[in-house]
């Protein structure tokens, strides 16, 4: 009976893991694309937050959550374009611009929410709806695999399917090869006839699209409303996931699963006698520890090379 109870508990934990992993993975894939182009998107947190609000507003205005998803994607892409404008046209510092985007989004979304609803905390007065979960035909009826593979949010399936798409695009297509060439050596890429600015703009816009999808999941999937600062540092966790992924989309998936597992464990341990402060800190302690281990391993490899 104990073994069956453990299996049942694991099966119950999987949907939680996939739910908390989804926004991290989507954002981390966006970071991965920008990082490979040499323009690390540090504004990913602010893009997620802005897209989450845009998703709710567009969904509430249209009565259709799919329109909300489109609104979130467009918002993310627009913010990626604006970040590129700041860096490439206005010659602003990339890191400072990313930080500024995050600060502006934190304050700006609260202001917009208050102006439209009169509430600074959440969009409870807006009927925004949610994107659906999918029940996979035939798979849903299987005894164990049905609970593992079916019934998850549509954006969870999209996030997982995008991993091989990004991996192939970055390593097997002319676009991905040019993008990586720009990130590794922009001077050599320019000499070879590659438009460096164009490729980096494309990378930031794509990164914004992924951030938009992550934001839409937060407000149209994870919950059905927007709340103040609801991204809650997931963009920074996504930055850690990309770094832990060693420049690989598959590695980014593995890192996102690890970081999502920390969050899922914290959720499952609530109400079981553990200090609430520790459980709230756990999802952020794990990436810090993982990054310290990663940095030490990198330093050792550098010393031995």
C-alpha atoms as a PDB file:
ATOM      1  CA  UNK A   1       0.000   0.000   0.000  1.00  0.00           C
ATOM      2  CA  UNK A   2       2.889   2.331   0.720  1.00  0.00           C
ATOM      3  CA  UNK A   3       4.304   1.834  -2.768  1.00  0.00           C
ATOM      4  CA  UNK A   4       0.902   2.508  -4.337  1.00  0.00           C
ATOM      5  CA  UNK A   5       0.517   5.623  -2.214  1.00  0.00           C
ATOM      6  CA  UNK A   6       3.962   6.852  -3.334  1.00  0.00           C
ATOM      7  CA  UNK A   7       3.079   6.247  -6.981  1.00  0.00           C
ATOM      8  CA  UNK A   8      -0.233   8.055  -6.557  1.00  0.00           C
ATOM      9  CA  UNK A   9       1.513  10.989  -4.855  1.00  0.00           C
ATOM     10  CA  UNK A  10       4.038  11.157  -7.707  1.00  0.00           C
ATOM     11  CA  UNK A  11       1.261  11.133 -10.309  1.00  0.00           C
ATOM     12  CA  UNK A  12      -0.459  13.952  -8.438  1.00  0.00           C
ATOM     13  CA  UNK A  13       2.807  15.919  -8.342  1.00  0.00           C
ATOM     14  CA  UNK A  14       3.458  15.707 -12.101  1.00  0.00           C
ATOM     15  CA  UNK A  15       0.661  18.115 -13.144  1.00  0.00           C
ATOM     16  CA  UNK A  16       1.859  20.589 -10.517  1.00  0.00           C
ATOM     17  CA  UNK A  17       5.438  20.266 -11.793  1.00  0.00           C
ATOM     18  CA  UNK A  18       4.423  20.840 -15.406  1.00  0.00           C
ATOM     19  CA  UNK A  19       2.218  23.784 -14.453  1.00  0.00           C
ATOM     20  CA  UNK A  20       4.953  25.623 -12.579  1.00  0.00           C
ATOM     21  CA  UNK A  21       7.588  24.659 -15.169  1.00  0.00           C
ATOM     22  CA  UNK A  22       5.683  26.006 -18.173  1.00  0.00           C
ATOM     23  CA  UNK A  23       6.273  29.770 -17.742  1.00  0.00           C
ATOM     24  CA  UNK A  24       9.887  29.143 -16.728  1.00  0.00           C
ATOM     25  CA  UNK A  25      10.538  27.005 -19.805  1.00  0.00           C
ATOM     26  CA  UNK A  26       8.849  29.410 -22.225  1.00  0.00           C
ATOM     27  CA  UNK A  27      10.790  32.370 -20.843  1.00  0.00           C
ATOM     28  CA  UNK A  28      14.038  30.378 -20.697  1.00  0.00           C
ATOM     29  CA  UNK A  29      13.744  29.437 -24.373  1.00  0.00           C
ATOM     30  CA  UNK A  30      13.328  33.133 -25.147  1.00  0.00           C
ATOM     31  CA  UNK A  31      16.423  33.929 -23.100  1.00  0.00           C
ATOM     32  CA  UNK A  32      18.254  31.118 -24.894  1.00  0.00           C
ATOM     33  CA  UNK A  33      17.575  32.636 -28.313  1.00  0.00           C
ATOM     34  CA  UNK A  34      18.658  36.119 -27.276  1.00  0.00           C
ATOM     35  CA  UNK A  35      21.735  34.855 -25.466  1.00  0.00           C
ATOM     36  CA  UNK A  36      22.905  32.888 -28.504  1.00  0.00           C
ATOM     37  CA  UNK A  37      22.702  36.128 -30.506  1.00  0.00           C
ATOM     38  CA  UNK A  38      24.836  37.979 -27.969  1.00  0.00           C
ATOM     39  CA  UNK A  39      22.025  40.196 -26.633  1.00  0.00           C
ATOM     40  CA  UNK A  40      20.962  38.587 -23.354  1.00  0.00           C
ATOM     41  CA  UNK A  41      17.387  39.633 -22.632  1.00  0.00           C
ATOM     42  CA  UNK A  42      17.529  40.762 -19.010  1.00  0.00           C
ATOM     43  CA  UNK A  43      14.149  42.422 -19.454  1.00  0.00           C
ATOM     44  CA  UNK A  44      12.379  39.073 -19.725  1.00  0.00           C
ATOM     45  CA  UNK A  45      10.741  39.514 -16.305  1.00  0.00           C
ATOM     46  CA  UNK A  46       9.153  42.805 -17.281  1.00  0.00           C
ATOM     47  CA  UNK A  47       8.045  41.422 -20.640  1.00  0.00           C
ATOM     48  CA  UNK A  48       6.318  38.484 -18.943  1.00  0.00           C
ATOM     49  CA  UNK A  49       4.537  40.781 -16.504  1.00  0.00           C
ATOM     50  CA  UNK A  50       3.410  43.212 -19.199  1.00  0.00           C
ATOM     51  CA  UNK A  51       2.207  40.368 -21.420  1.00  0.00           C
ATOM     52  CA  UNK A  52       0.254  38.846 -18.530  1.00  0.00           C
ATOM     53  CA  UNK A  53      -1.682  42.088 -18.111  1.00  0.00           C
ATOM     54  CA  UNK A  54      -2.164  42.495 -21.864  1.00  0.00           C
ATOM     55  CA  UNK A  55      -3.548  38.941 -22.055  1.00  0.00           C
ATOM     56  CA  UNK A  56      -6.197  39.671 -19.419  1.00  0.00           C
ATOM     57  CA  UNK A  57      -7.169  43.021 -20.943  1.00  0.00           C
ATOM     58  CA  UNK A  58      -7.437  41.632 -24.483  1.00  0.00           C
ATOM     59  CA  UNK A  59      -9.337  38.569 -23.297  1.00  0.00           C
ATOM     60  CA  UNK A  60     -11.768  40.628 -21.216  1.00  0.00           C
ATOM     61  CA  UNK A  61     -12.348  43.139 -24.013  1.00  0.00           C
ATOM     62  CA  UNK A  62     -12.989  40.474 -26.653  1.00  0.00           C
ATOM     63  CA  UNK A  63     -14.530  37.758 -24.511  1.00  0.00           C
ATOM     64  CA  UNK A  64     -12.081  35.304 -26.084  1.00  0.00           C
ATOM     65  CA  UNK A  65      -8.962  34.058 -24.257  1.00  0.00           C
ATOM     66  CA  UNK A  66      -7.298  33.208 -27.575  1.00  0.00           C
ATOM     67  CA  UNK A  67      -7.411  36.908 -28.419  1.00  0.00           C
ATOM     68  CA  UNK A  68      -5.786  37.436 -25.030  1.00  0.00           C
ATOM     69  CA  UNK A  69      -2.975  35.095 -26.064  1.00  0.00           C
ATOM     70  CA  UNK A  70      -2.469  37.056 -29.291  1.00  0.00           C
ATOM     71  CA  UNK A  71      -2.409  40.282 -27.286  1.00  0.00           C
ATOM     72  CA  UNK A  72       0.249  38.858 -24.977  1.00  0.00           C
ATOM     73  CA  UNK A  73       2.396  37.681 -27.894  1.00  0.00           C
ATOM     74  CA  UNK A  74       2.166  41.056 -29.616  1.00  0.00           C
ATOM     75  CA  UNK A  75       3.036  42.829 -26.372  1.00  0.00           C
ATOM     76  CA  UNK A  76       6.085  40.656 -25.857  1.00  0.00           C
ATOM     77  CA  UNK A  77       7.246  41.157 -29.439  1.00  0.00           C
ATOM     78  CA  UNK A  78       6.725  44.929 -29.193  1.00  0.00           C
ATOM     79  CA  UNK A  79       8.738  45.119 -25.979  1.00  0.00           C
ATOM     80  CA  UNK A  80      11.491  43.051 -27.594  1.00  0.00           C
ATOM     81  CA  UNK A  81      11.524  45.562 -30.444  1.00  0.00           C
ATOM     82  CA  UNK A  82      11.657  48.471 -27.982  1.00  0.00           C
ATOM     83  CA  UNK A  83      14.576  46.891 -26.127  1.00  0.00           C
ATOM     84  CA  UNK A  84      16.369  46.465 -29.433  1.00  0.00           C
ATOM     85  CA  UNK A  85      15.610  50.095 -30.288  1.00  0.00           C
ATOM     86  CA  UNK A  86      17.129  51.224 -27.005  1.00  0.00           C
ATOM     87  CA  UNK A  87      20.267  49.145 -27.527  1.00  0.00           C
ATOM     88  CA  UNK A  88      20.891  49.497 -31.264  1.00  0.00           C
ATOM     89  CA  UNK A  89      19.470  52.934 -32.106  1.00  0.00           C
ATOM     90  CA  UNK A  90      19.778  54.877 -28.867  1.00  0.00           C
ATOM     91  CA  UNK A  91      23.013  53.018 -27.948  1.00  0.00           C
ATOM     92  CA  UNK A  92      21.831  52.353 -24.388  1.00  0.00           C
ATOM     93  CA  UNK A  93      23.560  49.725 -22.285  1.00  0.00           C
ATOM     94  CA  UNK A  94      21.919  46.312 -22.724  1.00  0.00           C
ATOM     95  CA  UNK A  95      22.042  45.340 -19.048  1.00  0.00           C
ATOM     96  CA  UNK A  96      20.771  48.687 -17.777  1.00  0.00           C
ATOM     97  CA  UNK A  97      18.039  48.710 -20.419  1.00  0.00           C
ATOM     98  CA  UNK A  98      16.854  45.280 -19.313  1.00  0.00           C
ATOM     99  CA  UNK A  99      16.768  46.343 -15.672  1.00  0.00           C
ATOM    100  CA  UNK A 100      14.886  49.511 -16.637  1.00  0.00           C
ATOM    101  CA  UNK A 101      12.310  47.435 -18.532  1.00  0.00           C
ATOM    102  CA  UNK A 102      11.704  45.308 -15.450  1.00  0.00           C
ATOM    103  CA  UNK A 103      11.272  48.331 -13.191  1.00  0.00           C
ATOM    104  CA  UNK A 104       9.009  50.093 -15.675  1.00  0.00           C
ATOM    105  CA  UNK A 105       6.839  46.996 -16.081  1.00  0.00           C
ATOM    106  CA  UNK A 106       6.444  46.536 -12.326  1.00  0.00           C
ATOM    107  CA  UNK A 107       5.208  50.106 -11.883  1.00  0.00           C
ATOM    108  CA  UNK A 108       3.487  50.484 -15.251  1.00  0.00           C
ATOM    109  CA  UNK A 109       1.304  47.390 -15.010  1.00  0.00           C
ATOM    110  CA  UNK A 110       0.084  48.459 -11.566  1.00  0.00           C
ATOM    111  CA  UNK A 111      -0.727  51.925 -12.895  1.00  0.00           C
ATOM    112  CA  UNK A 112      -2.585  50.599 -15.940  1.00  0.00           C
ATOM    113  CA  UNK A 113      -4.490  48.087 -13.804  1.00  0.00           C
ATOM    114  CA  UNK A 114      -5.560  50.852 -11.416  1.00  0.00           C
ATOM    115  CA  UNK A 115      -6.572  53.195 -14.233  1.00  0.00           C
ATOM    116  CA  UNK A 116      -8.747  50.548 -15.872  1.00  0.00           C
ATOM    117  CA  UNK A 117     -10.226  48.752 -12.864  1.00  0.00           C
ATOM    118  CA  UNK A 118      -9.674  51.018  -9.857  1.00  0.00           C
ATOM    119  CA  UNK A 119      -7.823  48.142  -8.160  1.00  0.00           C
ATOM    120  CA  UNK A 120      -4.049  48.063  -7.669  1.00  0.00           C
ATOM    121  CA  UNK A 121      -3.951  44.442  -6.570  1.00  0.00           C
ATOM    122  CA  UNK A 122      -5.696  42.223  -9.116  1.00  0.00           C
ATOM    123  CA  UNK A 123      -8.052  42.228 -12.078  1.00  0.00           C
ATOM    124  CA  UNK A 124     -10.893  40.424 -10.339  1.00  0.00           C
ATOM    125  CA  UNK A 125     -13.473  42.773 -11.853  1.00  0.00           C
ATOM    126  CA  UNK A 126     -12.480  41.726 -15.388  1.00  0.00           C
ATOM    127  CA  UNK A 127     -13.933  38.535 -16.856  1.00  0.00           C
ATOM    128  CA  UNK A 128     -10.953  37.322 -18.840  1.00  0.00           C
ATOM    129  CA  UNK A 129     -11.466  33.546 -19.135  1.00  0.00           C
ATOM    130  CA  UNK A 130      -8.743  30.925 -19.444  1.00  0.00           C
ATOM    131  CA  UNK A 131      -7.095  28.939 -22.187  1.00  0.00           C
ATOM    132  CA  UNK A 132      -8.103  25.258 -22.191  1.00  0.00           C
ATOM    133  CA  UNK A 133      -6.402  22.108 -21.049  1.00  0.00           C
ATOM    134  CA  UNK A 134      -6.177  19.282 -23.579  1.00  0.00           C
ATOM    135  CA  UNK A 135      -7.309  15.695 -23.159  1.00  0.00           C
ATOM    136  CA  UNK A 136      -5.292  13.596 -25.592  1.00  0.00           C
ATOM    137  CA  UNK A 137      -7.384  11.012 -27.473  1.00  0.00           C
ATOM    138  CA  UNK A 138      -6.573   7.387 -26.555  1.00  0.00           C
ATOM    139  CA  UNK A 139      -3.728   8.498 -24.267  1.00  0.00           C
ATOM    140  CA  UNK A 140      -6.152   9.848 -21.642  1.00  0.00           C
ATOM    141  CA  UNK A 141      -7.651   6.356 -21.183  1.00  0.00           C
ATOM    142  CA  UNK A 142      -4.326   4.659 -20.392  1.00  0.00           C
ATOM    143  CA  UNK A 143      -3.958   3.705 -16.700  1.00  0.00           C
ATOM    144  CA  UNK A 144      -0.746   5.551 -15.765  1.00  0.00           C
ATOM    145  CA  UNK A 145       0.377   7.367 -18.898  1.00  0.00           C
ATOM    146  CA  UNK A 146      -3.020   9.022 -19.121  1.00  0.00           C
ATOM    147  CA  UNK A 147      -2.435  10.913 -15.865  1.00  0.00           C
ATOM    148  CA  UNK A 148       1.147  11.727 -16.844  1.00  0.00           C
ATOM    149  CA  UNK A 149       0.647  12.890 -20.428  1.00  0.00           C
ATOM    150  CA  UNK A 150      -2.955  14.047 -20.797  1.00  0.00           C
ATOM    151  CA  UNK A 151      -5.045  16.825 -19.335  1.00  0.00           C
ATOM    152  CA  UNK A 152      -2.387  19.532 -19.217  1.00  0.00           C
ATOM    153  CA  UNK A 153      -2.706  23.147 -20.289  1.00  0.00           C
ATOM    154  CA  UNK A 154      -2.407  23.845 -24.017  1.00  0.00           C
ATOM    155  CA  UNK A 155       0.604  26.117 -23.450  1.00  0.00           C
ATOM    156  CA  UNK A 156       2.354  23.351 -21.520  1.00  0.00           C
ATOM    157  CA  UNK A 157       2.234  21.162 -24.615  1.00  0.00           C
ATOM    158  CA  UNK A 158       3.339  24.121 -26.737  1.00  0.00           C
ATOM    159  CA  UNK A 159       6.290  24.801 -24.429  1.00  0.00           C
ATOM    160  CA  UNK A 160       7.506  21.197 -24.553  1.00  0.00           C
ATOM    161  CA  UNK A 161       7.062  20.943 -28.334  1.00  0.00           C
ATOM    162  CA  UNK A 162       8.983  24.185 -28.819  1.00  0.00           C
ATOM    163  CA  UNK A 163      12.113  22.642 -27.277  1.00  0.00           C
ATOM    164  CA  UNK A 164      12.983  20.444 -30.300  1.00  0.00           C
ATOM    165  CA  UNK A 165      11.838  23.226 -32.629  1.00  0.00           C
ATOM    166  CA  UNK A 166      14.251  25.699 -31.032  1.00  0.00           C
ATOM    167  CA  UNK A 167      17.025  23.091 -30.838  1.00  0.00           C
ATOM    168  CA  UNK A 168      16.731  22.284 -34.550  1.00  0.00           C
ATOM    169  CA  UNK A 169      16.289  25.916 -35.563  1.00  0.00           C
ATOM    170  CA  UNK A 170      19.411  26.981 -33.668  1.00  0.00           C
ATOM    171  CA  UNK A 171      21.663  24.187 -34.928  1.00  0.00           C
ATOM    172  CA  UNK A 172      20.333  22.999 -38.296  1.00  0.00           C
ATOM    173  CA  UNK A 173      18.908  26.055 -40.084  1.00  0.00           C
ATOM    174  CA  UNK A 174      20.681  28.946 -41.836  1.00  0.00           C
ATOM    175  CA  UNK A 175      18.895  31.399 -39.539  1.00  0.00           C
ATOM    176  CA  UNK A 176      20.105  29.654 -36.392  1.00  0.00           C
ATOM    177  CA  UNK A 177      23.645  29.278 -37.681  1.00  0.00           C
ATOM    178  CA  UNK A 178      23.811  32.976 -38.562  1.00  0.00           C
ATOM    179  CA  UNK A 179      22.311  33.868 -35.187  1.00  0.00           C
ATOM    180  CA  UNK A 180      24.947  31.857 -33.314  1.00  0.00           C
ATOM    181  CA  UNK A 181      27.695  33.299 -35.504  1.00  0.00           C
ATOM    182  CA  UNK A 182      26.575  36.805 -34.541  1.00  0.00           C
ATOM    183  CA  UNK A 183      26.615  35.878 -30.870  1.00  0.00           C
ATOM    184  CA  UNK A 184      30.025  34.212 -30.951  1.00  0.00           C
ATOM    185  CA  UNK A 185      31.890  36.782 -33.050  1.00  0.00           C
ATOM    186  CA  UNK A 186      29.895  39.724 -34.433  1.00  0.00           C
ATOM    187  CA  UNK A 187      32.902  41.206 -36.244  1.00  0.00           C
ATOM    188  CA  UNK A 188      33.600  37.974 -38.116  1.00  0.00           C
ATOM    189  CA  UNK A 189      29.893  37.560 -38.868  1.00  0.00           C
ATOM    190  CA  UNK A 190      29.725  41.075 -40.303  1.00  0.00           C
ATOM    191  CA  UNK A 191      32.779  40.356 -42.430  1.00  0.00           C
ATOM    192  CA  UNK A 192      30.992  37.271 -43.784  1.00  0.00           C
ATOM    193  CA  UNK A 193      28.092  39.475 -44.893  1.00  0.00           C
ATOM    194  CA  UNK A 194      25.678  38.822 -42.021  1.00  0.00           C
ATOM    195  CA  UNK A 195      23.627  41.806 -40.859  1.00  0.00           C
ATOM    196  CA  UNK A 196      24.475  41.730 -37.146  1.00  0.00           C
ATOM    197  CA  UNK A 197      21.916  44.307 -36.053  1.00  0.00           C
ATOM    198  CA  UNK A 198      19.130  42.624 -38.015  1.00  0.00           C
ATOM    199  CA  UNK A 199      19.879  39.239 -36.444  1.00  0.00           C
ATOM    200  CA  UNK A 200      20.011  40.669 -32.931  1.00  0.00           C
ATOM    201  CA  UNK A 201      16.744  42.541 -33.450  1.00  0.00           C
ATOM    202  CA  UNK A 202      15.141  39.298 -34.617  1.00  0.00           C
ATOM    203  CA  UNK A 203      16.513  37.490 -31.564  1.00  0.00           C
ATOM    204  CA  UNK A 204      15.073  40.049 -29.141  1.00  0.00           C
ATOM    205  CA  UNK A 205      11.686  40.058 -30.889  1.00  0.00           C
ATOM    206  CA  UNK A 206      11.572  36.243 -30.748  1.00  0.00           C
ATOM    207  CA  UNK A 207      12.612  36.385 -27.110  1.00  0.00           C
ATOM    208  CA  UNK A 208       9.759  38.798 -26.490  1.00  0.00           C
ATOM    209  CA  UNK A 209       7.318  36.416 -28.184  1.00  0.00           C
ATOM    210  CA  UNK A 210       8.356  33.625 -25.829  1.00  0.00           C
ATOM    211  CA  UNK A 211       8.045  35.990 -22.880  1.00  0.00           C
ATOM    212  CA  UNK A 212       4.577  36.911 -24.128  1.00  0.00           C
ATOM    213  CA  UNK A 213       3.545  33.247 -24.166  1.00  0.00           C
ATOM    214  CA  UNK A 214       4.912  32.827 -20.640  1.00  0.00           C
ATOM    215  CA  UNK A 215       2.976  35.872 -19.462  1.00  0.00           C
ATOM    216  CA  UNK A 216      -0.218  34.631 -21.104  1.00  0.00           C
ATOM    217  CA  UNK A 217       0.132  31.327 -19.267  1.00  0.00           C
ATOM    218  CA  UNK A 218       0.424  33.141 -15.946  1.00  0.00           C
ATOM    219  CA  UNK A 219      -2.834  35.072 -16.334  1.00  0.00           C
ATOM    220  CA  UNK A 220      -4.834  32.766 -18.627  1.00  0.00           C
ATOM    221  CA  UNK A 221      -3.676  29.383 -17.422  1.00  0.00           C
ATOM    222  CA  UNK A 222      -1.862  29.321 -14.099  1.00  0.00           C
ATOM    223  CA  UNK A 223      -4.691  31.482 -12.747  1.00  0.00           C
ATOM    224  CA  UNK A 224      -7.518  33.348 -14.485  1.00  0.00           C
ATOM    225  CA  UNK A 225      -6.637  36.915 -13.516  1.00  0.00           C
ATOM    226  CA  UNK A 226      -3.781  39.397 -13.346  1.00  0.00           C
ATOM    227  CA  UNK A 227      -2.275  40.355 -10.019  1.00  0.00           C
ATOM    228  CA  UNK A 228       0.402  42.860  -9.107  1.00  0.00           C
ATOM    229  CA  UNK A 229       3.924  41.545  -9.845  1.00  0.00           C
ATOM    230  CA  UNK A 230       2.511  38.088 -10.580  1.00  0.00           C
ATOM    231  CA  UNK A 231       5.611  37.044 -12.530  1.00  0.00           C
ATOM    232  CA  UNK A 232       7.245  36.829  -9.069  1.00  0.00           C
ATOM    233  CA  UNK A 233      10.810  36.536 -10.299  1.00  0.00           C
ATOM    234  CA  UNK A 234      10.134  33.754 -12.830  1.00  0.00           C
ATOM    235  CA  UNK A 235      11.949  35.754 -15.488  1.00  0.00           C
ATOM    236  CA  UNK A 236      15.104  35.741 -13.376  1.00  0.00           C
ATOM    237  CA  UNK A 237      14.648  32.022 -12.729  1.00  0.00           C
ATOM    238  CA  UNK A 238      14.416  31.600 -16.511  1.00  0.00           C
ATOM    239  CA  UNK A 239      17.757  33.389 -16.877  1.00  0.00           C
ATOM    240  CA  UNK A 240      19.229  30.866 -14.444  1.00  0.00           C
ATOM    241  CA  UNK A 241      17.634  27.985 -16.370  1.00  0.00           C
ATOM    242  CA  UNK A 242      19.269  29.102 -19.609  1.00  0.00           C
ATOM    243  CA  UNK A 243      22.671  29.439 -17.945  1.00  0.00           C
ATOM    244  CA  UNK A 244      22.306  26.009 -16.343  1.00  0.00           C
ATOM    245  CA  UNK A 245      21.326  24.607 -19.759  1.00  0.00           C
ATOM    246  CA  UNK A 246      24.878  25.150 -21.125  1.00  0.00           C
ATOM    247  CA  UNK A 247      23.666  26.857 -24.307  1.00  0.00           C
ATOM    248  CA  UNK A 248      21.359  23.999 -25.323  1.00  0.00           C
ATOM    249  CA  UNK A 249      17.587  24.000 -25.688  1.00  0.00           C
ATOM    250  CA  UNK A 250      17.464  20.476 -24.257  1.00  0.00           C
ATOM    251  CA  UNK A 251      19.648  21.543 -21.357  1.00  0.00           C
ATOM    252  CA  UNK A 252      17.314  24.478 -20.794  1.00  0.00           C
ATOM    253  CA  UNK A 253      14.405  22.024 -20.616  1.00  0.00           C
ATOM    254  CA  UNK A 254      16.240  19.912 -18.030  1.00  0.00           C
ATOM    255  CA  UNK A 255      17.091  22.981 -15.957  1.00  0.00           C
ATOM    256  CA  UNK A 256      13.498  24.234 -16.167  1.00  0.00           C
ATOM    257  CA  UNK A 257      12.271  20.858 -14.929  1.00  0.00           C
ATOM    258  CA  UNK A 258      14.685  21.018 -11.996  1.00  0.00           C
ATOM    259  CA  UNK A 259      13.684  24.545 -11.047  1.00  0.00           C
ATOM    260  CA  UNK A 260      10.023  23.761 -11.564  1.00  0.00           C
ATOM    261  CA  UNK A 261      10.397  20.683  -9.353  1.00  0.00           C
ATOM    262  CA  UNK A 262      11.661  22.895  -6.530  1.00  0.00           C
ATOM    263  CA  UNK A 263       8.540  25.034  -6.832  1.00  0.00           C
ATOM    264  CA  UNK A 264       6.284  21.967  -7.056  1.00  0.00           C
ATOM    265  CA  UNK A 265       7.850  20.423  -3.947  1.00  0.00           C
ATOM    266  CA  UNK A 266       7.380  23.697  -2.064  1.00  0.00           C
ATOM    267  CA  UNK A 267       3.694  23.708  -3.040  1.00  0.00           C
ATOM    268  CA  UNK A 268       3.206  20.060  -2.043  1.00  0.00           C
ATOM    269  CA  UNK A 269       4.810  20.637   1.378  1.00  0.00           C
ATOM    270  CA  UNK A 270       2.500  23.482   2.331  1.00  0.00           C
ATOM    271  CA  UNK A 271       0.475  22.729   5.430  1.00  0.00           C
ATOM    272  CA  UNK A 272       2.787  19.917   6.556  1.00  0.00           C
ATOM    273  CA  UNK A 273       4.605  21.683   9.369  1.00  0.00           C
ATOM    274  CA  UNK A 274       7.409  23.309   7.418  1.00  0.00           C
ATOM    275  CA  UNK A 275       8.065  27.039   7.909  1.00  0.00           C
ATOM    276  CA  UNK A 276       6.170  28.972   5.255  1.00  0.00           C
ATOM    277  CA  UNK A 277       9.134  31.318   4.794  1.00  0.00           C
ATOM    278  CA  UNK A 278      11.369  28.363   3.880  1.00  0.00           C
ATOM    279  CA  UNK A 279       8.852  27.015   1.383  1.00  0.00           C
ATOM    280  CA  UNK A 280       8.472  30.436  -0.223  1.00  0.00           C
ATOM    281  CA  UNK A 281      12.255  30.779  -0.511  1.00  0.00           C
ATOM    282  CA  UNK A 282      12.890  27.236  -1.830  1.00  0.00           C
ATOM    283  CA  UNK A 283      12.133  27.949  -5.523  1.00  0.00           C
ATOM    284  CA  UNK A 284      14.714  30.759  -5.417  1.00  0.00           C
ATOM    285  CA  UNK A 285      17.315  29.001  -3.274  1.00  0.00           C
ATOM    286  CA  UNK A 286      17.607  26.093  -5.707  1.00  0.00           C
ATOM    287  CA  UNK A 287      18.715  28.218  -8.714  1.00  0.00           C
ATOM    288  CA  UNK A 288      21.196  30.081  -6.510  1.00  0.00           C
ATOM    289  CA  UNK A 289      22.761  26.820  -5.321  1.00  0.00           C
ATOM    290  CA  UNK A 290      22.701  25.413  -8.852  1.00  0.00           C
ATOM    291  CA  UNK A 291      24.398  28.514 -10.267  1.00  0.00           C
ATOM    292  CA  UNK A 292      27.106  28.362  -7.583  1.00  0.00           C
ATOM    293  CA  UNK A 293      27.792  24.722  -8.474  1.00  0.00           C
ATOM    294  CA  UNK A 294      27.750  25.622 -12.166  1.00  0.00           C
ATOM    295  CA  UNK A 295      30.222  28.485 -11.641  1.00  0.00           C
ATOM    296  CA  UNK A 296      32.598  26.281  -9.624  1.00  0.00           C
ATOM    297  CA  UNK A 297      32.497  23.551 -12.264  1.00  0.00           C
ATOM    298  CA  UNK A 298      33.164  26.110 -14.989  1.00  0.00           C
ATOM    299  CA  UNK A 299      36.107  27.501 -13.052  1.00  0.00           C
ATOM    300  CA  UNK A 300      37.600  24.031 -12.623  1.00  0.00           C
ATOM    301  CA  UNK A 301      37.222  23.301 -16.334  1.00  0.00           C
ATOM    302  CA  UNK A 302      38.923  26.597 -17.160  1.00  0.00           C
ATOM    303  CA  UNK A 303      41.846  25.784 -14.848  1.00  0.00           C
ATOM    304  CA  UNK A 304      42.332  22.336 -16.381  1.00  0.00           C
ATOM    305  CA  UNK A 305      42.084  23.537 -19.976  1.00  0.00           C
END
